[in-house]
Amino acid sequence: MDGVSFLPAPFTIEPVARPRFDSLSASLMLSTAGTATPISLIGKGFSSWSALLAPTVALQCWFGSTVSSTVAIVSDTIMTVVPPTLGGACVSTTVPITLRVSTIGTAAPAGLEWVVPTGLQFGYRCFNVSSIQPTHVSAFADPSAQLTVTGSGLPPAAVQCVFTHAATAVQLAVTGRVVSSTQVVCSAPSLAPGNVTVTVQISSGDGTWLVAPNLSPITVEFVGPMVLTALSRTRSVYRGGSELEIFGSFSPFLSSVVTAPASAVTFLCLFGDLQPTAAVFTNVTRSSVKCTIPAYSLSTVNSGVSAVSVRVLASDSWQTYISMGAHGQQMMFYFEPEITVTRVYPGAGMVFFCILPMFYLRAGRQLELTAQ
């Protein structure tokens, strides 16, 4: 009879309708996991089986050729089971789920069994992550900063990197991209300076996530910016060429980012959008850098004073770091036109020059000076 099964003695001869199995609450787990989380078989008609269960009748749930340690009927539509583990074996496989009702003990003939295929399948996956590059990124980073996580057995599924700040416990999940079975790429989120642990989660396809085991601790340091405190001068003529010394707090930044040798990081001075110039540390305490002031293109000059922000840029093979002024304020630098002397007359013009308002000196006026 379609949809009806008769249980052999000592079961009742009354027909028992076969339950309907629709789906699983989760369909994947790590094959290397030592313990498993209970999952739910979702369907209809489970209540009719409750009357069958007795000390001499057992209900088992098999995953392939391995039996689950726990199975329970919760309601007419839900049955919970604990998937068996694979003893730490690193394999990726999919197995069918089968229910078996059988006689046990001595009160009835043992070994009688009713096998009920569910039509559902459960998957075991083996993957892990082992390292990340870079190991330092700029705090409050631009999302374009990319982190590459290396591992093995990574499936072509939806993936996310989860960043957990060690000090603040702030946790951010960032959507990533599986490049290959050995690499995942994620953008660095905006986090405060400090150490951050990174885990990779792979979607099981049914709303749950599998956390890839870390073969070793994966930590990224979010590095605070270099802080600039003062400039040796704040003005230059448009043609540039002079030297500028920039003072600031570079040592904490360098101790985080730079391992020996210090030349692993390149430093540049940035004057607005002008061409960067090389920055050189002036002393062993690394309390200041010196650089050459670039020329301010005359094509951008109207007249008067032009203001630009001054920053220091540091760059290694993986990441670019930008400085900031104290208290988050910009360090401003001003380009001025040169004073042009076109003619000198005999007379009292030197006195006139001494009292000339600074407005004329800064506004690019052409002066005619006299001298006695």
Protein backbone atom coordinates (compact mmCIF):
# COMPACT_ATOMS: atom_id res chain seq x y z
CA MET A 1 0.00 0.00 0.00
CA ASP A 2 1.52 3.31 -1.06
CA GLY A 3 2.54 5.48 1.88
CA VAL A 4 1.67 2.78 4.47
CA SER A 5 4.06 0.28 6.05
CA PHE A 6 3.25 -2.73 8.22
CA LEU A 7 5.65 -3.48 11.04
CA PRO A 8 6.60 -7.11 11.59
CA ALA A 9 5.92 -8.86 14.91
CA PRO A 10 6.14 -7.99 17.70
CA PHE A 11 4.96 -4.59 16.35
CA THR A 12 1.27 -3.86 16.08
CA ILE A 13 -0.26 -5.03 12.84
CA GLU A 14 -2.05 -1.72 12.51
CA PRO A 15 -0.66 0.25 9.56
CA VAL A 16 1.60 3.21 10.39
CA ALA A 17 1.71 6.06 7.89
CA ARG A 18 5.17 6.96 6.67
CA PRO A 19 6.14 10.49 7.83
CA ARG A 20 6.97 13.18 5.32
CA PHE A 21 10.47 14.71 5.44
CA ASP A 22 10.89 18.18 3.97
CA SER A 23 14.18 19.75 5.06
CA LEU A 24 17.00 20.08 7.59
CA SER A 25 17.65 23.04 9.88
CA ALA A 26 21.36 22.72 8.93
CA SER A 27 22.88 20.54 6.27
CA LEU A 28 26.64 20.95 6.78
CA MET A 29 29.25 20.57 9.51
CA LEU A 30 33.02 20.38 9.73
CA SER A 31 34.31 16.86 9.37
CA THR A 32 37.10 17.66 11.83
CA ALA A 33 34.72 18.82 14.57
CA GLY A 34 34.99 16.93 17.85
CA THR A 35 31.39 17.60 18.81
CA ALA A 36 28.23 18.27 16.84
CA THR A 37 25.30 20.63 17.35
CA PRO A 38 21.81 19.11 17.22
CA ILE A 39 19.88 19.69 14.02
CA SER A 40 16.19 19.38 13.22
CA LEU A 41 14.50 17.16 10.66
CA ILE A 42 11.45 19.10 9.53
CA GLY A 43 8.38 17.41 8.07
CA LYS A 44 5.00 16.03 9.15
CA GLY A 45 3.53 12.90 10.75
CA PHE A 46 6.19 12.26 13.40
CA SER A 47 3.63 11.95 16.22
CA SER A 48 2.33 8.61 14.90
CA TRP A 49 5.75 7.16 15.68
CA SER A 50 5.73 8.19 19.33
CA ALA A 51 3.33 5.35 20.26
CA LEU A 52 5.73 2.83 18.74
CA LEU A 53 8.67 3.71 20.93
CA ALA A 54 9.00 1.43 23.97
CA PRO A 55 11.80 -0.19 25.95
CA THR A 56 11.92 -2.91 23.30
CA VAL A 57 11.60 -0.64 20.27
CA ALA A 58 14.31 1.81 19.20
CA LEU A 59 14.34 4.70 16.77
CA GLN A 60 17.70 5.43 15.16
CA CYS A 61 18.90 8.02 12.68
CA TRP A 62 21.73 7.00 10.38
CA PHE A 63 24.05 9.35 8.50
CA GLY A 64 25.38 7.11 5.78
CA SER A 65 26.82 4.12 7.63
CA THR A 66 27.14 5.91 11.00
CA VAL A 67 24.37 6.08 13.57
CA SER A 68 23.48 9.24 15.52
CA SER A 69 23.88 9.10 19.28
CA THR A 70 20.69 11.05 19.92
CA VAL A 71 17.32 11.24 18.20
CA ALA A 72 14.08 12.61 19.67
CA ILE A 73 10.58 13.37 18.41
CA VAL A 74 9.78 16.93 19.53
CA SER A 75 6.44 17.41 17.79
CA ASP A 76 4.49 16.20 14.81
CA THR A 77 6.69 18.36 12.54
CA ILE A 78 10.11 18.35 14.23
CA MET A 79 12.55 15.59 15.09
CA THR A 80 15.98 16.47 16.54
CA VAL A 81 19.16 14.48 15.95
CA VAL A 82 22.84 14.94 16.69
CA PRO A 83 24.95 14.27 13.58
CA PRO A 84 27.76 11.80 14.26
CA THR A 85 31.30 13.10 14.07
CA LEU A 86 33.91 11.54 11.83
CA GLY A 87 36.62 11.20 14.44
CA GLY A 88 38.57 14.23 13.25
CA ALA A 89 39.08 12.89 9.74
CA CYS A 90 39.64 15.60 7.13
CA VAL A 91 37.18 14.60 4.42
CA SER A 92 34.49 16.30 2.36
CA THR A 93 31.53 14.09 1.67
CA THR A 94 27.73 14.00 1.52
CA VAL A 95 25.71 11.13 3.04
CA PRO A 96 22.01 10.15 3.02
CA ILE A 97 19.93 10.32 6.20
CA THR A 98 17.94 7.19 7.01
CA LEU A 99 15.63 6.38 9.94
CA ARG A 100 15.39 2.87 11.35
CA VAL A 101 12.83 1.47 13.77
CA SER A 102 14.05 -1.80 15.28
CA THR A 103 13.36 -4.29 18.07
CA ILE A 104 15.87 -4.58 20.87
CA GLY A 105 16.34 -6.50 24.13
CA THR A 106 15.01 -9.93 25.11
CA ALA A 107 11.30 -9.21 25.53
CA ALA A 108 10.78 -9.51 21.80
CA PRO A 109 12.71 -10.99 18.90
CA ALA A 110 15.63 -8.65 18.32
CA GLY A 111 16.85 -7.55 14.92
CA LEU A 112 13.53 -6.77 13.28
CA GLU A 113 13.92 -3.49 11.48
CA TRP A 114 11.93 -0.99 9.47
CA VAL A 115 14.15 1.21 7.26
CA VAL A 116 12.73 4.59 6.24
CA PRO A 117 14.78 6.71 3.79
CA THR A 118 14.17 10.42 4.36
CA GLY A 119 15.38 11.65 0.99
CA LEU A 120 17.56 14.20 2.86
CA GLN A 121 21.33 14.50 2.69
CA PHE A 122 23.91 15.85 5.11
CA GLY A 123 27.36 17.16 4.20
CA TYR A 124 30.71 17.06 5.95
CA ARG A 125 33.33 19.58 4.91
CA CYS A 126 37.02 19.89 5.73
CA PHE A 127 38.67 23.32 5.45
CA ASN A 128 40.84 25.55 7.61
CA VAL A 129 42.79 28.80 7.60
CA SER A 130 46.41 29.22 8.62
CA SER A 131 47.64 32.78 8.00
CA ILE A 132 46.72 36.32 6.99
CA GLN A 133 48.49 39.15 5.18
CA PRO A 134 49.11 41.89 5.95
CA THR A 135 49.43 41.52 9.70
CA HIS A 136 49.18 45.32 10.17
CA VAL A 137 46.58 47.65 8.72
CA SER A 138 45.70 51.27 9.32
CA ALA A 139 43.09 51.88 12.00
CA PHE A 140 39.96 53.59 10.70
CA ALA A 141 41.04 52.20 7.33
CA ASP A 142 39.78 52.85 3.87
CA PRO A 143 37.65 49.84 2.84
CA SER A 144 39.91 49.42 -0.17
CA ALA A 145 42.55 47.91 2.14
CA GLN A 146 42.50 44.17 1.39
CA LEU A 147 43.36 41.26 3.69
CA THR A 148 44.27 37.88 2.20
CA VAL A 149 43.53 34.81 4.34
CA THR A 150 45.34 31.60 3.37
CA GLY A 151 44.06 28.11 4.15
CA SER A 152 43.05 24.86 2.46
CA GLY A 153 39.88 23.18 1.24
CA LEU A 154 37.91 26.43 1.10
CA PRO A 155 34.66 25.75 -0.78
CA PRO A 156 33.27 28.13 -3.46
CA ALA A 157 30.50 29.41 -1.17
CA ALA A 158 29.46 32.66 0.47
CA VAL A 159 32.11 33.69 2.97
CA GLN A 160 32.67 36.37 5.59
CA CYS A 161 35.58 37.46 7.74
CA VAL A 162 34.72 38.24 11.35
CA PHE A 163 36.94 40.79 13.13
CA THR A 164 36.89 40.83 16.94
CA HIS A 165 38.72 43.64 18.75
CA ALA A 166 40.65 42.21 21.70
CA ALA A 167 40.30 45.29 23.91
CA THR A 168 36.83 46.58 23.10
CA ALA A 169 35.17 43.26 22.12
CA VAL A 170 33.65 45.06 19.12
CA GLN A 171 32.88 42.50 16.42
CA LEU A 172 32.35 43.23 12.74
CA ALA A 173 31.54 40.78 9.96
CA VAL A 174 32.73 41.70 6.46
CA THR A 175 31.63 39.91 3.31
CA GLY A 176 34.58 38.23 1.65
CA ARG A 177 35.38 36.46 -1.59
CA VAL A 178 36.76 32.95 -2.11
CA VAL A 179 39.54 33.38 -4.68
CA SER A 180 40.54 29.73 -4.67
CA SER A 181 40.49 26.68 -2.41
CA THR A 182 43.44 28.23 -0.57
CA GLN A 183 42.61 31.97 -0.41
CA VAL A 184 39.87 34.28 0.84
CA VAL A 185 40.04 38.07 0.40
CA CYS A 186 38.24 40.50 2.75
CA SER A 187 38.31 44.28 3.11
CA ALA A 188 39.63 45.69 6.38
CA PRO A 189 36.85 47.33 8.41
CA SER A 190 37.15 50.57 10.35
CA LEU A 191 38.28 49.69 13.88
CA ALA A 192 40.11 51.46 16.70
CA PRO A 193 43.84 50.80 17.14
CA GLY A 194 44.66 47.47 18.77
CA ASN A 195 44.94 43.74 18.18
CA VAL A 196 42.08 42.09 16.31
CA THR A 197 41.44 38.37 15.88
CA VAL A 198 40.11 37.18 12.52
CA THR A 199 37.97 34.13 11.79
CA VAL A 200 36.54 32.96 8.48
CA GLN A 201 32.98 31.69 8.21
CA ILE A 202 31.62 29.72 5.27
CA SER A 203 27.89 29.67 4.51
CA SER A 204 26.23 26.26 4.78
CA GLY A 205 23.62 27.42 2.30
CA ASP A 206 20.72 27.24 4.73
CA GLY A 207 21.26 30.33 6.84
CA THR A 208 23.94 28.92 9.13
CA TRP A 209 27.70 29.54 9.08
CA LEU A 210 30.61 27.16 9.55
CA VAL A 211 33.65 28.65 11.27
CA ALA A 212 36.88 27.58 9.61
CA PRO A 213 39.31 26.29 12.25
CA ASN A 214 42.42 28.43 12.69
CA LEU A 215 45.49 26.21 12.53
CA SER A 216 47.32 29.01 14.32
CA PRO A 217 46.10 32.26 15.95
CA ILE A 218 45.27 34.80 13.25
CA THR A 219 45.71 38.32 14.56
CA VAL A 220 45.86 41.64 12.74
CA GLU A 221 47.09 44.79 14.46
CA PHE A 222 45.10 47.88 13.57
CA VAL A 223 47.75 50.59 13.79
CA GLY A 224 46.97 54.11 14.93
CA PRO A 225 48.07 56.91 12.60
CA MET A 226 51.28 58.85 12.92
CA VAL A 227 50.46 62.07 14.76
CA LEU A 228 52.02 65.33 13.52
CA THR A 229 52.53 68.07 16.09
CA ALA A 230 54.46 70.95 14.46
CA LEU A 231 56.19 72.27 11.34
CA SER A 232 59.56 74.04 11.30
CA ARG A 233 57.97 76.61 8.98
CA THR A 234 54.50 77.15 7.62
CA ARG A 235 55.21 79.20 4.47
CA SER A 236 57.16 78.94 1.25
CA VAL A 237 57.33 80.69 -2.09
CA TYR A 238 55.62 78.95 -4.98
CA ARG A 239 58.82 77.58 -6.51
CA GLY A 240 59.53 75.49 -3.37
CA GLY A 241 62.93 73.86 -3.03
CA SER A 242 63.48 74.68 0.65
CA GLU A 243 63.65 72.13 3.44
CA LEU A 244 60.79 71.48 5.87
CA GLU A 245 61.06 69.57 9.13
CA ILE A 246 57.90 67.88 10.40
CA PHE A 247 57.69 66.97 14.08
CA GLY A 248 55.41 64.29 15.46
CA SER A 249 54.88 60.97 17.19
CA PHE A 250 56.36 58.36 14.87
CA SER A 251 57.94 55.84 17.26
CA PRO A 252 54.73 54.05 18.41
CA PHE A 253 53.68 53.70 14.79
CA LEU A 254 57.07 52.39 13.72
CA SER A 255 57.37 49.91 16.57
CA SER A 256 54.07 48.38 15.44
CA VAL A 257 54.63 48.32 11.71
CA VAL A 258 58.35 48.06 11.14
CA THR A 259 60.50 45.09 12.00
CA ALA A 260 64.19 45.23 11.22
CA PRO A 261 65.27 46.74 8.93
CA ALA A 262 63.42 50.04 9.17
CA SER A 263 63.83 50.48 5.41
CA ALA A 264 60.92 48.03 4.97
CA VAL A 265 58.64 51.08 5.02
CA THR A 266 58.87 54.04 2.63
CA PHE A 267 57.98 57.51 3.95
CA LEU A 268 56.80 60.46 1.87
CA CYS A 269 55.67 64.02 2.54
CA LEU A 270 52.38 65.06 0.98
CA PHE A 271 51.55 68.72 0.31
CA GLY A 272 47.93 68.71 -0.74
CA ASP A 273 47.71 67.10 -4.18
CA LEU A 274 51.26 68.00 -5.20
CA GLN A 275 53.87 65.46 -6.15
CA PRO A 276 55.06 63.63 -2.97
CA THR A 277 58.64 64.14 -1.83
CA ALA A 278 60.86 61.74 0.10
CA ALA A 279 60.79 61.97 3.90
CA VAL A 280 63.94 61.21 5.89
CA PHE A 281 64.15 60.75 9.67
CA THR A 282 66.43 63.32 11.24
CA ASN A 283 67.47 61.49 14.42
CA VAL A 284 67.56 58.09 16.08
CA THR A 285 64.57 58.96 18.26
CA ARG A 286 62.49 59.35 15.12
CA SER A 287 60.78 62.44 16.45
CA SER A 288 60.83 64.31 13.12
CA VAL A 289 61.28 63.93 9.39
CA LYS A 290 62.73 66.30 6.82
CA CYS A 291 61.63 66.70 3.24
CA THR A 292 61.98 69.13 0.36
CA ILE A 293 59.07 71.50 -0.26
CA PRO A 294 57.73 70.87 -3.79
CA ALA A 295 56.94 73.59 -6.30
CA TYR A 296 53.38 74.84 -6.45
CA SER A 297 52.38 74.84 -10.11
CA LEU A 298 51.86 78.39 -11.43
CA SER A 299 48.96 77.13 -13.50
CA THR A 300 47.03 76.71 -10.25
CA VAL A 301 47.95 80.14 -8.89
CA ASN A 302 45.64 83.09 -9.17
CA SER A 303 47.32 85.51 -6.79
CA GLY A 304 47.95 85.71 -3.11
CA VAL A 305 48.36 82.81 -0.69
CA SER A 306 47.43 79.16 -1.39
CA ALA A 307 46.87 76.79 1.54
CA VAL A 308 47.42 73.01 1.45
CA SER A 309 47.38 70.29 4.09
CA VAL A 310 50.63 68.57 5.04
CA ARG A 311 50.70 64.85 5.79
CA VAL A 312 53.23 62.06 6.04
CA LEU A 313 52.53 58.85 4.15
CA ALA A 314 54.09 55.49 5.04
CA SER A 315 53.82 52.48 2.76
CA ASP A 316 54.99 48.89 2.97
CA SER A 317 54.42 46.07 0.50
CA TRP A 318 50.86 45.55 1.75
CA GLN A 319 49.43 48.71 3.25
CA THR A 320 49.49 52.50 3.10
CA TYR A 321 49.27 54.57 6.29
CA ILE A 322 48.42 58.27 6.50
CA SER A 323 49.31 60.66 9.33
CA MET A 324 46.99 63.07 11.06
CA GLY A 325 47.50 66.26 13.05
CA ALA A 326 47.14 66.44 16.81
CA HIS A 327 43.48 66.24 17.92
CA GLY A 328 42.54 65.28 14.37
CA GLN A 329 43.27 68.76 13.02
CA GLN A 330 44.95 69.29 9.66
CA MET A 331 48.51 70.63 9.51
CA MET A 332 48.31 73.58 7.10
CA PHE A 333 51.09 74.95 4.90
CA TYR A 334 50.95 78.12 2.78
CA PHE A 335 52.48 78.90 -0.61
CA GLU A 336 53.07 82.58 -1.40
CA PRO A 337 54.22 84.46 -4.50
CA GLU A 338 57.71 85.95 -4.45
CA ILE A 339 58.27 89.72 -4.12
CA THR A 340 59.43 91.07 -7.48
CA VAL A 341 61.73 94.16 -7.45
CA THR A 342 61.43 95.87 -10.82
CA ARG A 343 63.13 99.24 -10.26
CA VAL A 344 65.14 101.11 -7.62
CA TYR A 345 64.98 104.95 -7.36
CA PRO A 346 67.22 107.23 -5.37
CA GLY A 347 65.37 108.72 -2.45
CA ALA A 348 63.71 107.60 0.75
CA GLY A 349 62.21 104.39 -0.57
CA MET A 350 63.94 102.19 2.02
CA VAL A 351 61.86 103.79 4.74
CA PHE A 352 58.78 103.09 2.61
CA PHE A 353 59.79 99.43 2.30
CA CYS A 354 60.16 99.04 6.06
CA ILE A 355 56.66 100.24 6.74
CA LEU A 356 55.00 98.59 3.75
CA PRO A 357 51.94 96.69 4.95
CA MET A 358 52.30 92.90 4.89
CA PHE A 359 49.30 92.77 2.63
CA TYR A 360 51.49 93.88 -0.25
CA LEU A 361 54.16 91.34 0.57
CA ARG A 362 51.67 88.49 0.54
CA ALA A 363 49.43 89.56 -2.31
CA GLY A 364 52.05 89.29 -5.05
CA ARG A 365 52.25 93.05 -5.76
CA GLN A 366 55.14 94.30 -7.87
CA LEU A 367 57.08 96.90 -5.92
CA GLU A 368 59.25 99.81 -6.99
CA LEU A 369 61.77 100.47 -4.22
CA THR A 370 64.04 103.51 -3.80
CA ALA A 371 67.33 103.79 -1.95
CA GLN A 372 69.50 106.73 -0.89
